[in-house]
Amino acid sequence: MAKQDTASLQTRIDREVALQFKELAEVRGVSEAQLLREVVTDYIENTDVDSIAEEIRRTMEKRIARLTRKK
């Protein structure tokens, strides 16, 4: 990997999922780190952020409306 501005992600997942992920990386002939970079990058590139933002906005408007009606 070329030297670049990077950040680290850390999370916990089920042991069985981690083992399956490791196996998938081995089958593809890449490191787990490389496979994770690919998965995260693909997810971000293929996610419609505007749709998610609109959904969040509608959800928050509904919650605010319910809270203001309760008063």
PDB file of N, CA and C in Angstrom:
ATOM      1  N   MET A   1       0.846  -1.186   0.000  1.00  0.00           N
ATOM      2  CA  MET A   1       0.000   0.000   0.000  1.00  0.00           C
ATOM      3  C   MET A   1       0.885   1.241   0.000  1.00  0.00           C
ATOM      4  N   ALA A   2       0.582   2.168  -0.867  1.00  0.00           N
ATOM      5  CA  ALA A   2       1.347   3.405  -0.945  1.00  0.00           C
ATOM      6  C   ALA A   2       1.150   4.214   0.330  1.00  0.00           C
ATOM      7  N   LYS A   3       2.196   4.946   0.698  1.00  0.00           N
ATOM      8  CA  LYS A   3       2.098   5.775   1.893  1.00  0.00           C
ATOM      9  C   LYS A   3       1.081   6.885   1.643  1.00  0.00           C
ATOM     10  N   GLN A   4       0.114   7.001   2.549  1.00  0.00           N
ATOM     11  CA  GLN A   4      -0.931   7.999   2.386  1.00  0.00           C
ATOM     12  C   GLN A   4      -1.521   8.336   3.742  1.00  0.00           C
ATOM     13  N   ASP A   5      -2.415   9.282   3.749  1.00  0.00           N
ATOM     14  CA  ASP A   5      -3.102   9.667   4.968  1.00  0.00           C
ATOM     15  C   ASP A   5      -4.106   8.562   5.308  1.00  0.00           C
ATOM     16  N   THR A   6      -3.909   7.864   6.404  1.00  0.00           N
ATOM     17  CA  THR A   6      -4.767   6.734   6.747  1.00  0.00           C
ATOM     18  C   THR A   6      -5.337   6.889   8.148  1.00  0.00           C
ATOM     19  N   ALA A   7      -6.341   6.091   8.429  1.00  0.00           N
ATOM     20  CA  ALA A   7      -6.952   6.034   9.751  1.00  0.00           C
ATOM     21  C   ALA A   7      -7.208   4.576  10.075  1.00  0.00           C
ATOM     22  N   SER A   8      -7.369   4.303  11.323  1.00  0.00           N
ATOM     23  CA  SER A   8      -7.600   2.930  11.767  1.00  0.00           C
ATOM     24  C   SER A   8      -9.044   2.775  12.222  1.00  0.00           C
ATOM     25  N   LEU A   9      -9.659   1.636  11.857  1.00  0.00           N
ATOM     26  CA  LEU A   9     -10.999   1.289  12.321  1.00  0.00           C
ATOM     27  C   LEU A   9     -10.877   0.075  13.234  1.00  0.00           C
ATOM     28  N   GLN A  10     -11.633   0.076  14.298  1.00  0.00           N
ATOM     29  CA  GLN A  10     -11.604  -1.068  15.194  1.00  0.00           C
ATOM     30  C   GLN A  10     -13.031  -1.389  15.612  1.00  0.00           C
ATOM     31  N   THR A  11     -13.386  -2.661  15.570  1.00  0.00           N
ATOM     32  CA  THR A  11     -14.727  -3.071  15.950  1.00  0.00           C
ATOM     33  C   THR A  11     -14.693  -4.497  16.467  1.00  0.00           C
ATOM     34  N   ARG A  12     -15.778  -4.927  17.051  1.00  0.00           N
ATOM     35  CA  ARG A  12     -15.912  -6.308  17.498  1.00  0.00           C
ATOM     36  C   ARG A  12     -17.005  -6.969  16.678  1.00  0.00           C
ATOM     37  N   ILE A  13     -16.744  -8.202  16.271  1.00  0.00           N
ATOM     38  CA  ILE A  13     -17.732  -8.990  15.544  1.00  0.00           C
ATOM     39  C   ILE A  13     -17.749 -10.393  16.129  1.00  0.00           C
ATOM     40  N   ASP A  14     -18.799 -11.135  15.823  1.00  0.00           N
ATOM     41  CA  ASP A  14     -18.895 -12.508  16.307  1.00  0.00           C
ATOM     42  C   ASP A  14     -17.695 -13.315  15.828  1.00  0.00           C
ATOM     43  N   ARG A  15     -17.220 -14.199  16.675  1.00  0.00           N
ATOM     44  CA  ARG A  15     -16.055 -15.018  16.361  1.00  0.00           C
ATOM     45  C   ARG A  15     -16.265 -15.798  15.051  1.00  0.00           C
ATOM     46  N   GLU A  16     -17.454 -16.372  14.872  1.00  0.00           N
ATOM     47  CA  GLU A  16     -17.723 -17.153  13.666  1.00  0.00           C
ATOM     48  C   GLU A  16     -17.647 -16.286  12.412  1.00  0.00           C
ATOM     49  N   VAL A  17     -18.152 -15.074  12.483  1.00  0.00           N
ATOM     50  CA  VAL A  17     -18.071 -14.147  11.344  1.00  0.00           C
ATOM     51  C   VAL A  17     -16.606 -13.824  11.047  1.00  0.00           C
ATOM     52  N   ALA A  18     -15.830 -13.602  12.088  1.00  0.00           N
ATOM     53  CA  ALA A  18     -14.409 -13.298  11.908  1.00  0.00           C
ATOM     54  C   ALA A  18     -13.682 -14.465  11.233  1.00  0.00           C
ATOM     55  N   LEU A  19     -14.001 -15.678  11.639  1.00  0.00           N
ATOM     56  CA  LEU A  19     -13.369 -16.857  11.029  1.00  0.00           C
ATOM     57  C   LEU A  19     -13.768 -16.992   9.562  1.00  0.00           C
ATOM     58  N   GLN A  20     -15.031 -16.746   9.262  1.00  0.00           N
ATOM     59  CA  GLN A  20     -15.490 -16.805   7.871  1.00  0.00           C
ATOM     60  C   GLN A  20     -14.811 -15.728   7.026  1.00  0.00           C
ATOM     61  N   PHE A  21     -14.662 -14.543   7.610  1.00  0.00           N
ATOM     62  CA  PHE A  21     -14.002 -13.439   6.907  1.00  0.00           C
ATOM     63  C   PHE A  21     -12.557 -13.813   6.603  1.00  0.00           C
ATOM     64  N   LYS A  22     -11.881 -14.403   7.584  1.00  0.00           N
ATOM     65  CA  LYS A  22     -10.491 -14.834   7.401  1.00  0.00           C
ATOM     66  C   LYS A  22     -10.401 -15.863   6.272  1.00  0.00           C
ATOM     67  N   GLU A  23     -11.324 -16.804   6.247  1.00  0.00           N
ATOM     68  CA  GLU A  23     -11.339 -17.814   5.187  1.00  0.00           C
ATOM     69  C   GLU A  23     -11.556 -17.183   3.814  1.00  0.00           C
ATOM     70  N   LEU A  24     -12.477 -16.218   3.749  1.00  0.00           N
ATOM     71  CA  LEU A  24     -12.721 -15.527   2.479  1.00  0.00           C
ATOM     72  C   LEU A  24     -11.470 -14.803   1.989  1.00  0.00           C
ATOM     73  N   ALA A  25     -10.770 -14.161   2.895  1.00  0.00           N
ATOM     74  CA  ALA A  25      -9.534 -13.467   2.525  1.00  0.00           C
ATOM     75  C   ALA A  25      -8.505 -14.462   1.995  1.00  0.00           C
ATOM     76  N   GLU A  26      -8.386 -15.602   2.678  1.00  0.00           N
ATOM     77  CA  GLU A  26      -7.435 -16.619   2.244  1.00  0.00           C
ATOM     78  C   GLU A  26      -7.779 -17.144   0.856  1.00  0.00           C
ATOM     79  N   VAL A  27      -9.059 -17.402   0.618  1.00  0.00           N
ATOM     80  CA  VAL A  27      -9.497 -17.899  -0.692  1.00  0.00           C
ATOM     81  C   VAL A  27      -9.169 -16.890  -1.787  1.00  0.00           C
ATOM     82  N   ARG A  28      -9.347 -15.613  -1.473  1.00  0.00           N
ATOM     83  CA  ARG A  28      -9.071 -14.554  -2.465  1.00  0.00           C
ATOM     84  C   ARG A  28      -7.589 -14.246  -2.580  1.00  0.00           C
ATOM     85  N   GLY A  29      -6.796 -14.753  -1.638  1.00  0.00           N
ATOM     86  CA  GLY A  29      -5.360 -14.519  -1.683  1.00  0.00           C
ATOM     87  C   GLY A  29      -4.951 -13.127  -1.253  1.00  0.00           C
ATOM     88  N   VAL A  30      -5.758 -12.525  -0.376  1.00  0.00           N
ATOM     89  CA  VAL A  30      -5.442 -11.190   0.148  1.00  0.00           C
ATOM     90  C   VAL A  30      -5.458 -11.239   1.672  1.00  0.00           C
ATOM     91  N   SER A  31      -4.865 -10.235   2.274  1.00  0.00           N
ATOM     92  CA  SER A  31      -4.897 -10.156   3.730  1.00  0.00           C
ATOM     93  C   SER A  31      -6.293  -9.758   4.203  1.00  0.00           C
ATOM     94  N   GLU A  32      -6.580 -10.026   5.453  1.00  0.00           N
ATOM     95  CA  GLU A  32      -7.860  -9.590   6.014  1.00  0.00           C
ATOM     96  C   GLU A  32      -7.976  -8.079   5.957  1.00  0.00           C
ATOM     97  N   ALA A  33      -6.872  -7.382   6.198  1.00  0.00           N
ATOM     98  CA  ALA A  33      -6.880  -5.917   6.147  1.00  0.00           C
ATOM     99  C   ALA A  33      -7.236  -5.429   4.744  1.00  0.00           C
ATOM    100  N   GLN A  34      -6.646  -6.056   3.725  1.00  0.00           N
ATOM    101  CA  GLN A  34      -6.933  -5.646   2.348  1.00  0.00           C
ATOM    102  C   GLN A  34      -8.389  -5.915   1.995  1.00  0.00           C
ATOM    103  N   LEU A  35      -8.902  -7.085   2.377  1.00  0.00           N
ATOM    104  CA  LEU A  35     -10.295  -7.407   2.090  1.00  0.00           C
ATOM    105  C   LEU A  35     -11.227  -6.426   2.797  1.00  0.00           C
ATOM    106  N   LEU A  36     -10.917  -6.085   4.031  1.00  0.00           N
ATOM    107  CA  LEU A  36     -11.746  -5.129   4.765  1.00  0.00           C
ATOM    108  C   LEU A  36     -11.722  -3.762   4.093  1.00  0.00           C
ATOM    109  N   ARG A  37     -10.534  -3.329   3.634  1.00  0.00           N
ATOM    110  CA  ARG A  37     -10.456  -2.041   2.919  1.00  0.00           C
ATOM    111  C   ARG A  37     -11.340  -2.076   1.686  1.00  0.00           C
ATOM    112  N   GLU A  38     -11.298  -3.188   0.945  1.00  0.00           N
ATOM    113  CA  GLU A  38     -12.118  -3.306  -0.254  1.00  0.00           C
ATOM    114  C   GLU A  38     -13.607  -3.278   0.069  1.00  0.00           C
ATOM    115  N   VAL A  39     -14.004  -4.002   1.107  1.00  0.00           N
ATOM    116  CA  VAL A  39     -15.419  -4.064   1.489  1.00  0.00           C
ATOM    117  C   VAL A  39     -15.923  -2.680   1.906  1.00  0.00           C
ATOM    118  N   VAL A  40     -15.166  -2.000   2.742  1.00  0.00           N
ATOM    119  CA  VAL A  40     -15.593  -0.676   3.223  1.00  0.00           C
ATOM    120  C   VAL A  40     -15.650   0.315   2.064  1.00  0.00           C
ATOM    121  N   THR A  41     -14.641   0.303   1.214  1.00  0.00           N
ATOM    122  CA  THR A  41     -14.619   1.208   0.067  1.00  0.00           C
ATOM    123  C   THR A  41     -15.798   0.948  -0.861  1.00  0.00           C
ATOM    124  N   ASP A  42     -16.051  -0.324  -1.179  1.00  0.00           N
ATOM    125  CA  ASP A  42     -17.190  -0.672  -2.037  1.00  0.00           C
ATOM    126  C   ASP A  42     -18.507  -0.230  -1.422  1.00  0.00           C
ATOM    127  N   TYR A  43     -18.656  -0.430  -0.114  1.00  0.00           N
ATOM    128  CA  TYR A  43     -19.894  -0.041   0.569  1.00  0.00           C
ATOM    129  C   TYR A  43     -20.122   1.462   0.440  1.00  0.00           C
ATOM    130  N   ILE A  44     -19.089   2.218   0.704  1.00  0.00           N
ATOM    131  CA  ILE A  44     -19.213   3.682   0.642  1.00  0.00           C
ATOM    132  C   ILE A  44     -19.506   4.136  -0.783  1.00  0.00           C
ATOM    133  N   GLU A  45     -18.805   3.569  -1.750  1.00  0.00           N
ATOM    134  CA  GLU A  45     -19.002   3.967  -3.144  1.00  0.00           C
ATOM    135  C   GLU A  45     -20.392   3.598  -3.660  1.00  0.00           C
ATOM    136  N   ASN A  46     -21.005   2.567  -3.101  1.00  0.00           N
ATOM    137  CA  ASN A  46     -22.294   2.088  -3.600  1.00  0.00           C
ATOM    138  C   ASN A  46     -23.482   2.468  -2.714  1.00  0.00           C
ATOM    139  N   THR A  47     -23.253   3.316  -1.746  1.00  0.00           N
ATOM    140  CA  THR A  47     -24.323   3.750  -0.858  1.00  0.00           C
ATOM    141  C   THR A  47     -24.818   5.126  -1.291  1.00  0.00           C
ATOM    142  N   ASP A  48     -26.123   5.249  -1.406  1.00  0.00           N
ATOM    143  CA  ASP A  48     -26.735   6.519  -1.790  1.00  0.00           C
ATOM    144  C   ASP A  48     -26.893   7.371  -0.528  1.00  0.00           C
ATOM    145  N   VAL A  49     -25.911   8.183  -0.273  1.00  0.00           N
ATOM    146  CA  VAL A  49     -25.882   8.998   0.946  1.00  0.00           C
ATOM    147  C   VAL A  49     -27.060   9.959   1.003  1.00  0.00           C
ATOM    148  N   ASP A  50     -27.459  10.507  -0.124  1.00  0.00           N
ATOM    149  CA  ASP A  50     -28.583  11.443  -0.135  1.00  0.00           C
ATOM    150  C   ASP A  50     -29.875  10.763   0.321  1.00  0.00           C
ATOM    151  N   SER A  51     -30.093   9.519  -0.106  1.00  0.00           N
ATOM    152  CA  SER A  51     -31.291   8.789   0.312  1.00  0.00           C
ATOM    153  C   SER A  51     -31.270   8.514   1.809  1.00  0.00           C
ATOM    154  N   ILE A  52     -30.110   8.158   2.324  1.00  0.00           N
ATOM    155  CA  ILE A  52     -29.985   7.901   3.758  1.00  0.00           C
ATOM    156  C   ILE A  52     -30.249   9.186   4.540  1.00  0.00           C
ATOM    157  N   ALA A  53     -29.688  10.289   4.076  1.00  0.00           N
ATOM    158  CA  ALA A  53     -29.897  11.569   4.755  1.00  0.00           C
ATOM    159  C   ALA A  53     -31.371  11.952   4.743  1.00  0.00           C
ATOM    160  N   GLU A  54     -32.050  11.728   3.628  1.00  0.00           N
ATOM    161  CA  GLU A  54     -33.487  12.035   3.535  1.00  0.00           C
ATOM    162  C   GLU A  54     -34.285  11.157   4.491  1.00  0.00           C
ATOM    163  N   GLU A  55     -33.941   9.902   4.579  1.00  0.00           N
ATOM    164  CA  GLU A  55     -34.632   8.991   5.489  1.00  0.00           C
ATOM    165  C   GLU A  55     -34.440   9.428   6.945  1.00  0.00           C
ATOM    166  N   ILE A  56     -33.236   9.827   7.291  1.00  0.00           N
ATOM    167  CA  ILE A  56     -32.956  10.314   8.648  1.00  0.00           C
ATOM    168  C   ILE A  56     -33.767  11.572   8.930  1.00  0.00           C
ATOM    169  N   ARG A  57     -33.810  12.485   7.945  1.00  0.00           N
ATOM    170  CA  ARG A  57     -34.570  13.736   8.122  1.00  0.00           C
ATOM    171  C   ARG A  57     -36.042  13.441   8.377  1.00  0.00           C
ATOM    172  N   ARG A  58     -36.642  12.532   7.584  1.00  0.00           N
ATOM    173  CA  ARG A  58     -38.061  12.185   7.765  1.00  0.00           C
ATOM    174  C   ARG A  58     -38.298  11.540   9.132  1.00  0.00           C
ATOM    175  N   THR A  59     -37.406  10.656   9.526  1.00  0.00           N
ATOM    176  CA  THR A  59     -37.537   9.999  10.826  1.00  0.00           C
ATOM    177  C   THR A  59     -37.485  11.025  11.955  1.00  0.00           C
ATOM    178  N   MET A  60     -36.546  11.955  11.882  1.00  0.00           N
ATOM    179  CA  MET A  60     -36.418  12.970  12.933  1.00  0.00           C
ATOM    180  C   MET A  60     -37.634  13.894  12.958  1.00  0.00           C
ATOM    181  N   GLU A  61     -38.156  14.250  11.799  1.00  0.00           N
ATOM    182  CA  GLU A  61     -39.351  15.091  11.753  1.00  0.00           C
ATOM    183  C   GLU A  61     -40.536  14.389  12.422  1.00  0.00           C
ATOM    184  N   LYS A  62     -40.687  13.084  12.186  1.00  0.00           N
ATOM    185  CA  LYS A  62     -41.763  12.322  12.820  1.00  0.00           C
ATOM    186  C   LYS A  62     -41.584  12.285  14.330  1.00  0.00           C
ATOM    187  N   ARG A  63     -40.365  12.077  14.778  1.00  0.00           N
ATOM    188  CA  ARG A  63     -40.101  12.036  16.224  1.00  0.00           C
ATOM    189  C   ARG A  63     -40.373  13.388  16.873  1.00  0.00           C
ATOM    190  N   ILE A  64     -39.954  14.444  16.223  1.00  0.00           N
ATOM    191  CA  ILE A  64     -40.188  15.790  16.755  1.00  0.00           C
ATOM    192  C   ILE A  64     -41.687  16.073  16.813  1.00  0.00           C
ATOM    193  N   ALA A  65     -42.411  15.689  15.773  1.00  0.00           N
ATOM    194  CA  ALA A  65     -43.865  15.900  15.752  1.00  0.00           C
ATOM    195  C   ALA A  65     -44.523  15.146  16.903  1.00  0.00           C
ATOM    196  N   ARG A  66     -44.111  13.904  17.152  1.00  0.00           N
ATOM    197  CA  ARG A  66     -44.699  13.134  18.271  1.00  0.00           C
ATOM    198  C   ARG A  66     -44.387  13.788  19.602  1.00  0.00           C
ATOM    199  N   LEU A  67     -43.167  14.259  19.756  1.00  0.00           N
ATOM    200  CA  LEU A  67     -42.778  14.888  21.028  1.00  0.00           C
ATOM    201  C   LEU A  67     -43.529  16.187  21.262  1.00  0.00           C
ATOM    202  N   THR A  68     -43.744  16.967  20.226  1.00  0.00           N
ATOM    203  CA  THR A  68     -44.428  18.254  20.398  1.00  0.00           C
ATOM    204  C   THR A  68     -45.926  18.049  20.626  1.00  0.00           C
ATOM    205  N   ARG A  69     -46.498  16.954  20.118  1.00  0.00           N
ATOM    206  CA  ARG A  69     -47.917  16.661  20.371  1.00  0.00           C
ATOM    207  C   ARG A  69     -48.146  16.211  21.810  1.00  0.00           C
ATOM    208  N   LYS A  70     -47.145  15.615  22.445  1.00  0.00           N
ATOM    209  CA  LYS A  70     -47.300  15.111  23.808  1.00  0.00           C
ATOM    210  C   LYS A  70     -47.365  16.226  24.838  1.00  0.00           C
ATOM    211  N   LYS A  71     -46.913  17.405  24.501  1.00  0.00           N
ATOM    212  CA  LYS A  71     -46.874  18.499  25.476  1.00  0.00           C
ATOM    213  C   LYS A  71     -48.201  19.133  25.691  1.00  0.00           C
TER     214      LYS A  71
END
